[in-house]
C-alpha atoms as a PDB file:
ATOM      1  CA  MET A   1     -16.678  24.930  27.055  1.00  0.00           C
ATOM      2  CA  SER A   2     -15.892  22.282  24.495  1.00  0.00           C
ATOM      3  CA  GLU A   3     -13.163  19.757  25.109  1.00  0.00           C
ATOM      4  CA  GLU A   4      -9.885  20.434  23.375  1.00  0.00           C
ATOM      5  CA  TYR A   5      -7.429  17.782  22.103  1.00  0.00           C
ATOM      6  CA  THR A   6      -4.506  17.556  19.792  1.00  0.00           C
ATOM      7  CA  TYR A   7      -4.811  15.994  16.332  1.00  0.00           C
ATOM      8  CA  ASP A   8      -3.373  12.682  17.574  1.00  0.00           C
ATOM      9  CA  GLU A   9      -5.632  12.636  20.669  1.00  0.00           C
ATOM     10  CA  TRP A  10      -8.761  13.079  18.503  1.00  0.00           C
ATOM     11  CA  LYS A  11      -7.410  10.371  16.140  1.00  0.00           C
ATOM     12  CA  ASP A  12      -7.079   7.942  19.046  1.00  0.00           C
ATOM     13  CA  ARG A  13     -10.753   8.660  19.943  1.00  0.00           C
ATOM     14  CA  GLY A  14     -11.909   7.708  16.389  1.00  0.00           C
ATOM     15  CA  TYR A  15     -12.221  11.226  14.919  1.00  0.00           C
ATOM     16  CA  PHE A  16     -10.238  13.098  12.379  1.00  0.00           C
ATOM     17  CA  VAL A  17      -9.652  16.807  12.105  1.00  0.00           C
ATOM     18  CA  ILE A  18     -11.663  18.436   9.327  1.00  0.00           C
ATOM     19  CA  LYS A  19      -9.569  19.369   6.333  1.00  0.00           C
ATOM     20  CA  ASP A  20      -8.474  23.015   6.391  1.00  0.00           C
ATOM     21  CA  SER A  21      -9.262  23.370  10.127  1.00  0.00           C
ATOM     22  CA  TYR A  22      -6.891  25.703  11.839  1.00  0.00           C
ATOM     23  CA  SER A  23      -6.341  26.205  15.503  1.00  0.00           C
ATOM     24  CA  THR A  24      -4.833  29.180  17.267  1.00  0.00           C
ATOM     25  CA  LYS A  25      -5.059  27.517  20.615  1.00  0.00           C
ATOM     26  CA  LYS A  26      -2.145  25.540  21.965  1.00  0.00           C
ATOM     27  CA  ASN A  27      -1.744  23.103  24.876  1.00  0.00           C
ATOM     28  CA  GLU A  28       1.000  23.148  27.491  1.00  0.00           C
ATOM     29  CA  LYS A  29       3.360  21.381  24.985  1.00  0.00           C
ATOM     30  CA  ASP A  30       2.751  24.185  22.443  1.00  0.00           C
ATOM     31  CA  GLU A  31       0.767  21.737  20.173  1.00  0.00           C
ATOM     32  CA  PRO A  32      -2.322  22.999  18.340  1.00  0.00           C
ATOM     33  CA  VAL A  33      -5.634  21.786  19.921  1.00  0.00           C
ATOM     34  CA  PHE A  34      -8.938  21.386  18.238  1.00  0.00           C
ATOM     35  CA  THR A  35     -12.590  21.419  19.558  1.00  0.00           C
ATOM     36  CA  LEU A  36     -15.393  19.070  18.762  1.00  0.00           C
ATOM     37  CA  ASP A  37     -16.776  21.402  16.091  1.00  0.00           C
ATOM     38  CA  GLN A  38     -13.513  21.010  14.202  1.00  0.00           C
ATOM     39  CA  VAL A  39     -13.579  17.209  14.002  1.00  0.00           C
ATOM     40  CA  GLU A  40     -15.703  14.489  12.340  1.00  0.00           C
ATOM     41  CA  TRP A  41     -16.239  10.837  13.291  1.00  0.00           C
ATOM     42  CA  LYS A  42     -14.279   8.511  11.146  1.00  0.00           C
ATOM     43  CA  VAL A  43     -16.410   6.185   9.086  1.00  0.00           C
ATOM     44  CA  TYR A  44     -14.161   3.984   7.022  1.00  0.00           C
ATOM     45  CA  GLN A  45     -15.339   2.895   3.570  1.00  0.00           C
ATOM     46  CA  ILE A  46     -13.265  -0.263   4.073  1.00  0.00           C
ATOM     47  CA  SER A  47     -12.402  -1.314   7.551  1.00  0.00           C
ATOM     48  CA  GLU A  48      -8.927  -2.458   8.561  1.00  0.00           C
ATOM     49  CA  GLU A  49     -10.337  -5.957   9.278  1.00  0.00           C
ATOM     50  CA  ILE A  50     -11.947  -6.394   5.917  1.00  0.00           C
ATOM     51  CA  CYS A  51      -8.904  -5.027   4.159  1.00  0.00           C
ATOM     52  CA  ALA A  52      -6.674  -7.551   5.995  1.00  0.00           C
ATOM     53  CA  LYS A  53      -8.956 -10.419   4.869  1.00  0.00           C
ATOM     54  CA  ASN A  54      -8.264  -9.592   1.253  1.00  0.00           C
ATOM     55  CA  ILE A  55      -4.502  -9.797   1.551  1.00  0.00           C
ATOM     56  CA  SER A  56      -2.843 -12.997   0.392  1.00  0.00           C
ATOM     57  CA  GLY A  57       0.814 -13.494  -0.204  1.00  0.00           C
ATOM     58  CA  VAL A  58       3.711 -11.048  -0.474  1.00  0.00           C
ATOM     59  CA  CYS A  59       4.431  -7.751  -2.196  1.00  0.00           C
ATOM     60  CA  PRO A  60       4.775  -8.341  -5.899  1.00  0.00           C
ATOM     61  CA  GLY A  61       7.740  -5.978  -6.031  1.00  0.00           C
ATOM     62  CA  CYS A  62       9.991  -6.600  -3.086  1.00  0.00           C
ATOM     63  CA  GLY A  63       8.495  -9.796  -1.624  1.00  0.00           C
ATOM     64  CA  GLY A  64       7.811  -8.053   1.639  1.00  0.00           C
ATOM     65  CA  VAL A  65       4.823  -7.697   3.865  1.00  0.00           C
ATOM     66  CA  VAL A  66       1.468  -6.530   2.481  1.00  0.00           C
ATOM     67  CA  GLU A  67      -0.635  -4.851   5.121  1.00  0.00           C
ATOM     68  CA  PRO A  68      -3.671  -2.551   5.563  1.00  0.00           C
ATOM     69  CA  ILE A  69      -2.664   1.088   5.029  1.00  0.00           C
ATOM     70  CA  GLU A  70      -4.848   3.885   6.277  1.00  0.00           C
ATOM     71  CA  THR A  71      -5.565   6.324   3.435  1.00  0.00           C
ATOM     72  CA  VAL A  72      -8.404   8.241   1.778  1.00  0.00           C
ATOM     73  CA  ASN A  73     -10.274   7.246  -1.349  1.00  0.00           C
ATOM     74  CA  ASN A  74     -10.849   9.430  -4.378  1.00  0.00           C
ATOM     75  CA  SER A  75     -13.754  11.166  -2.517  1.00  0.00           C
ATOM     76  CA  ASP A  76     -11.430  12.027   0.311  1.00  0.00           C
ATOM     77  CA  GLU A  77     -13.205   9.542   2.611  1.00  0.00           C
ATOM     78  CA  PRO A  78     -11.128   7.526   5.164  1.00  0.00           C
ATOM     79  CA  THR A  79     -10.482   3.932   4.223  1.00  0.00           C
ATOM     80  CA  PHE A  80      -7.929   1.148   4.400  1.00  0.00           C
ATOM     81  CA  TRP A  81      -6.280  -0.244   1.273  1.00  0.00           C
ATOM     82  CA  SER A  82      -3.756  -3.071   1.248  1.00  0.00           C
ATOM     83  CA  GLY A  83      -0.225  -2.389   0.140  1.00  0.00           C
ATOM     84  CA  CYS A  84       3.484  -2.446   0.747  1.00  0.00           C
ATOM     85  CA  ASN A  85       5.055   0.397   2.733  1.00  0.00           C
ATOM     86  CA  HIS A  86       8.518  -0.491   1.333  1.00  0.00           C
ATOM     87  CA  CYS A  87       7.583  -0.169  -2.330  1.00  0.00           C
ATOM     88  CA  LEU A  88       4.888   2.433  -1.658  1.00  0.00           C
ATOM     89  CA  ILE A  89       2.255   0.615  -3.766  1.00  0.00           C
ATOM     90  CA  PHE A  90      -1.234  -0.606  -3.175  1.00  0.00           C
ATOM     91  CA  CYS A  91      -1.686  -4.333  -3.874  1.00  0.00           C
ATOM     92  CA  CYS A  92      -3.271  -7.470  -2.448  1.00  0.00           C
ATOM     93  CA  GLY A  93      -0.146  -9.621  -2.746  1.00  0.00           C
ATOM     94  CA  VAL A  94       0.914 -12.529  -4.795  1.00  0.00           C
ATOM     95  CA  ASP A  95       1.908 -16.095  -4.002  1.00  0.00           C
ATOM     96  CA  LYS A  96       5.493 -16.222  -2.656  1.00  0.00           C
ATOM     97  CA  SER A  97       6.322 -18.783  -5.480  1.00  0.00           C
ATOM     98  CA  VAL A  98       5.159 -16.273  -8.061  1.00  0.00           C
ATOM     99  CA  TRP A  99       7.350 -13.555  -6.588  1.00  0.00           C
ATOM    100  CA  GLN A 100      10.344 -15.857  -6.363  1.00  0.00           C
ATOM    101  CA  THR A 101       9.937 -16.899 -10.005  1.00  0.00           C
ATOM    102  CA  ALA A 102       9.592 -13.315 -11.188  1.00  0.00           C
ATOM    103  CA  ARG A 103      12.646 -12.124  -9.111  1.00  0.00           C
ATOM    104  CA  LYS A 104      14.783 -15.003 -10.447  1.00  0.00           C
ATOM    105  CA  LEU A 105      13.902 -14.169 -14.026  1.00  0.00           C
ATOM    106  CA  VAL A 106      14.607 -10.432 -13.463  1.00  0.00           C
ATOM    107  CA  GLU A 107      17.951 -11.082 -11.764  1.00  0.00           C
ATOM    108  CA  GLU A 108      18.996 -13.463 -14.564  1.00  0.00           C
ATOM    109  CA  GLY A 109      18.026 -10.873 -17.177  1.00  0.00           C
ATOM    110  CA  ARG A 110      15.219 -13.009 -18.669  1.00  0.00           C
ATOM    111  CA  GLY A 111      12.191 -11.189 -17.378  1.00  0.00           C
ATOM    112  CA  PHE A 112      12.126  -7.684 -18.684  1.00  0.00           C
ATOM    113  CA  THR A 113       8.682  -6.155 -18.710  1.00  0.00           C
ATOM    114  CA  SER A 114       9.441  -2.443 -19.489  1.00  0.00           C
ATOM    115  CA  CYS A 115      11.750  -0.404 -21.577  1.00  0.00           C
ATOM    116  CA  LYS A 116      13.790   0.429 -18.524  1.00  0.00           C
ATOM    117  CA  SER A 117      17.372  -0.855 -18.902  1.00  0.00           C
ATOM    118  CA  ARG A 118      19.103  -2.321 -15.897  1.00  0.00           C
ATOM    119  CA  HIS A 119      22.164  -0.407 -16.988  1.00  0.00           C
ATOM    120  CA  ASP A 120      20.447   2.906 -16.395  1.00  0.00           C
ATOM    121  CA  TYR A 121      19.875   2.006 -12.711  1.00  0.00           C
ATOM    122  CA  GLU A 122      23.232   0.542 -11.743  1.00  0.00           C
ATOM    123  CA  ASP A 123      24.778   3.812 -10.570  1.00  0.00           C
ATOM    124  CA  THR A 124      23.708   3.278  -6.930  1.00  0.00           C
ATOM    125  CA  PRO A 125      22.598   0.175  -5.046  1.00  0.00           C
ATOM    126  CA  GLU A 126      19.290   1.865  -4.066  1.00  0.00           C
ATOM    127  CA  ARG A 127      18.416   2.593  -7.705  1.00  0.00           C
ATOM    128  CA  LEU A 128      19.279  -0.943  -8.732  1.00  0.00           C
ATOM    129  CA  GLU A 129      17.067  -2.328  -5.994  1.00  0.00           C
ATOM    130  CA  TYR A 130      14.257   0.010  -7.135  1.00  0.00           C
ATOM    131  CA  TRP A 131      14.675  -1.277 -10.721  1.00  0.00           C
ATOM    132  CA  LYS A 132      14.573  -4.915  -9.564  1.00  0.00           C
ATOM    133  CA  ASP A 133      11.461  -4.308  -7.461  1.00  0.00           C
ATOM    134  CA  THR A 134       9.629  -2.482 -10.274  1.00  0.00           C
ATOM    135  CA  GLU A 135      10.481  -5.170 -12.861  1.00  0.00           C
ATOM    136  CA  THR A 136       9.631  -7.935 -10.442  1.00  0.00           C
ATOM    137  CA  SER A 137       6.277  -6.324  -9.622  1.00  0.00           C
ATOM    138  CA  HIS A 138       5.330  -6.111 -13.333  1.00  0.00           C
ATOM    139  CA  LEU A 139       6.524  -9.670 -14.059  1.00  0.00           C
ATOM    140  CA  SER A 140       4.718 -11.055 -10.938  1.00  0.00           C
ATOM    141  CA  GLY A 141       1.453  -9.735 -12.357  1.00  0.00           C
ATOM    142  CA  GLN A 142       2.089 -11.324 -15.659  1.00  0.00           C
ATOM    143  CA  ILE A 143       2.990 -14.634 -14.150  1.00  0.00           C
ATOM    144  CA  ARG A 144      -0.128 -14.556 -11.962  1.00  0.00           C
ATOM    145  CA  GLN A 145      -2.307 -13.866 -14.986  1.00  0.00           C
ATOM    146  CA  ILE A 146      -0.673 -16.736 -16.943  1.00  0.00           C
ATOM    147  CA  LEU A 147      -1.201 -19.089 -14.052  1.00  0.00           C
ATOM    148  CA  PHE A 148      -4.839 -17.975 -13.768  1.00  0.00           C
ATOM    149  CA  GLU A 149      -5.525 -18.693 -17.462  1.00  0.00           C
ATOM    150  CA  TYR A 150      -3.568 -21.925 -17.345  1.00  0.00           C
ATOM    151  CA  ASN A 151      -5.618 -23.197 -14.434  1.00  0.00           C
ATOM    152  CA  LYS A 152      -8.902 -22.251 -16.155  1.00  0.00           C
ATOM    153  CA  ILE A 153      -7.882 -24.293 -19.177  1.00  0.00           C
ATOM    154  CA  VAL A 154      -6.852 -27.287 -17.037  1.00  0.00           C
ATOM    155  CA  GLU A 155     -10.124 -27.114 -15.084  1.00  0.00           C
ATOM    156  CA  ALA A 156     -12.164 -26.909 -18.326  1.00  0.00           C
ATOM    157  CA  GLY A 157     -10.396 -29.956 -19.650  1.00  0.00           C
ATOM    158  CA  LYS A 158     -11.382 -32.130 -16.687  1.00  0.00           C
END
């Protein structure tokens, strides 16, 4: 008889339940259990450790933590991508000073990067925060690109 474990128990052992697997068996807690023929060993395309090494800085939107997020790639293979769980975006981060500059410009009304008007998002504090994070994220990317090009020119001139 094959061993039977719940989804989380297989996950803790480094396996994942095969997509579309269905179990009619239940354990004593009335949770579905799966057998070895219903699971596959997880082979990550990008490991959590390698993903973490590519993170630098803060979220370009909210300025929060960027961390490895377990997900699947476009081929439905398990992997880790870096991102912000607050903003629900995948990113590698930006320097905190870039984020601070972008947020300051957005809050002062000098850093609009889209056609979204602040006025359209002022009906609730949550929507206004979403607007600020979105605008800050776009502007952070632009500032980072400007600094990259600026530094290339400065280095070429030395």
